[in-house]
Amino acid sequence: MSDKRGDNEAAILLELIRNRHGHRIDPDQLDDLREAVDGVARAAESMRSVRLENSDEPRFIFVPYREEE
């Protein structure tokens, strides 16, 4: 997976936001949204780069707290 895919994904998401909510967003807010969407796209790209098998389990074991009597 390349950085280009993440950039393209971020551009598509930003365009979607602009189309749906552009009339309520000023240019400064749009710049802030661009940074946030870029961060989300980079995080999604990182998660997609990790290959998991169906048998992979979480790296932690959950042990519920049981109050002693």
C-alpha atoms as a PDB file:
ATOM      1  CA  MET A   1       0.000   0.000   0.000  1.00  0.00           C
ATOM      2  CA  SER A   2       1.355   3.357  -0.869  1.00  0.00           C
ATOM      3  CA  ASP A   3       1.145   6.831   0.554  1.00  0.00           C
ATOM      4  CA  LYS A   4      -0.635   7.810  -2.665  1.00  0.00           C
ATOM      5  CA  ARG A   5      -3.620   5.637  -1.715  1.00  0.00           C
ATOM      6  CA  GLY A   6      -3.881   7.383   1.664  1.00  0.00           C
ATOM      7  CA  ASP A   7      -3.639  10.793   0.006  1.00  0.00           C
ATOM      8  CA  ASN A   8      -6.342   9.842  -2.487  1.00  0.00           C
ATOM      9  CA  GLU A   9      -8.554   8.478   0.282  1.00  0.00           C
ATOM     10  CA  ALA A  10      -8.104  11.674   2.315  1.00  0.00           C
ATOM     11  CA  ALA A  11      -8.982  13.804  -0.722  1.00  0.00           C
ATOM     12  CA  ILE A  12     -12.151  11.783  -1.338  1.00  0.00           C
ATOM     13  CA  LEU A  13     -13.212  12.011   2.307  1.00  0.00           C
ATOM     14  CA  LEU A  14     -12.540  15.752   2.407  1.00  0.00           C
ATOM     15  CA  GLU A  15     -14.566  16.252  -0.774  1.00  0.00           C
ATOM     16  CA  LEU A  16     -17.431  14.279   0.782  1.00  0.00           C
ATOM     17  CA  ILE A  17     -17.345  16.506   3.870  1.00  0.00           C
ATOM     18  CA  ARG A  18     -17.177  19.619   1.697  1.00  0.00           C
ATOM     19  CA  ASN A  19     -20.171  18.486  -0.380  1.00  0.00           C
ATOM     20  CA  ARG A  20     -22.315  17.644   2.632  1.00  0.00           C
ATOM     21  CA  HIS A  21     -21.345  20.425   5.031  1.00  0.00           C
ATOM     22  CA  GLY A  22     -19.440  23.023   2.976  1.00  0.00           C
ATOM     23  CA  HIS A  23     -22.073  25.708   3.456  1.00  0.00           C
ATOM     24  CA  ARG A  24     -21.397  25.617   7.219  1.00  0.00           C
ATOM     25  CA  ILE A  25     -17.598  25.366   7.121  1.00  0.00           C
ATOM     26  CA  ASP A  26     -15.329  28.389   6.814  1.00  0.00           C
ATOM     27  CA  PRO A  27     -11.845  28.133   5.191  1.00  0.00           C
ATOM     28  CA  ASP A  28     -10.021  27.915   8.541  1.00  0.00           C
ATOM     29  CA  GLN A  29     -12.224  25.053   9.658  1.00  0.00           C
ATOM     30  CA  LEU A  30     -11.668  23.346   6.314  1.00  0.00           C
ATOM     31  CA  ASP A  31      -7.893  23.513   6.852  1.00  0.00           C
ATOM     32  CA  ASP A  32      -8.329  21.946  10.307  1.00  0.00           C
ATOM     33  CA  LEU A  33     -10.542  19.251   8.811  1.00  0.00           C
ATOM     34  CA  ARG A  34      -7.954  18.548   6.114  1.00  0.00           C
ATOM     35  CA  GLU A  35      -5.322  17.879   8.789  1.00  0.00           C
ATOM     36  CA  ALA A  36      -7.697  15.659  10.774  1.00  0.00           C
ATOM     37  CA  VAL A  37      -8.785  13.678   7.710  1.00  0.00           C
ATOM     38  CA  ASP A  38      -5.149  13.224   6.644  1.00  0.00           C
ATOM     39  CA  GLY A  39      -4.389  11.807  10.098  1.00  0.00           C
ATOM     40  CA  VAL A  40      -7.313   9.406   9.927  1.00  0.00           C
ATOM     41  CA  ALA A  41      -6.291   8.250   6.438  1.00  0.00           C
ATOM     42  CA  ARG A  42      -2.689   7.657   7.594  1.00  0.00           C
ATOM     43  CA  ALA A  43      -3.905   5.694  10.629  1.00  0.00           C
ATOM     44  CA  ALA A  44      -6.211   3.588   8.447  1.00  0.00           C
ATOM     45  CA  GLU A  45      -3.350   2.892   6.042  1.00  0.00           C
ATOM     46  CA  SER A  46      -1.172   1.754   8.963  1.00  0.00           C
ATOM     47  CA  MET A  47      -3.855  -0.594  10.229  1.00  0.00           C
ATOM     48  CA  ARG A  48      -4.425  -2.044   6.768  1.00  0.00           C
ATOM     49  CA  SER A  49      -0.709  -2.779   6.443  1.00  0.00           C
ATOM     50  CA  VAL A  50      -0.847  -5.289   9.319  1.00  0.00           C
ATOM     51  CA  ARG A  51      -1.799  -8.700   7.978  1.00  0.00           C
ATOM     52  CA  LEU A  52      -3.855 -10.868  10.306  1.00  0.00           C
ATOM     53  CA  GLU A  53      -4.892 -14.463   9.982  1.00  0.00           C
ATOM     54  CA  ASN A  54      -8.306 -15.627  11.097  1.00  0.00           C
ATOM     55  CA  SER A  55      -6.656 -17.460  13.998  1.00  0.00           C
ATOM     56  CA  ASP A  56      -4.768 -14.379  15.308  1.00  0.00           C
ATOM     57  CA  GLU A  57      -5.848 -13.385  18.772  1.00  0.00           C
ATOM     58  CA  PRO A  58      -5.457 -10.156  20.757  1.00  0.00           C
ATOM     59  CA  ARG A  59      -2.097  -9.535  22.404  1.00  0.00           C
ATOM     60  CA  PHE A  60      -3.690  -9.220  25.820  1.00  0.00           C
ATOM     61  CA  ILE A  61      -5.822 -11.393  28.043  1.00  0.00           C
ATOM     62  CA  PHE A  62      -8.752  -9.723  29.730  1.00  0.00           C
ATOM     63  CA  VAL A  63      -9.122 -10.689  33.385  1.00  0.00           C
ATOM     64  CA  PRO A  64     -12.114  -9.053  35.068  1.00  0.00           C
ATOM     65  CA  TYR A  65     -11.653  -7.652  38.546  1.00  0.00           C
ATOM     66  CA  ARG A  66     -13.397  -9.668  41.212  1.00  0.00           C
ATOM     67  CA  GLU A  67     -13.691  -8.034  44.568  1.00  0.00           C
ATOM     68  CA  GLU A  68     -12.479 -10.220  47.394  1.00  0.00           C
ATOM     69  CA  GLU A  69     -15.023 -11.048  50.062  1.00  0.00           C
END
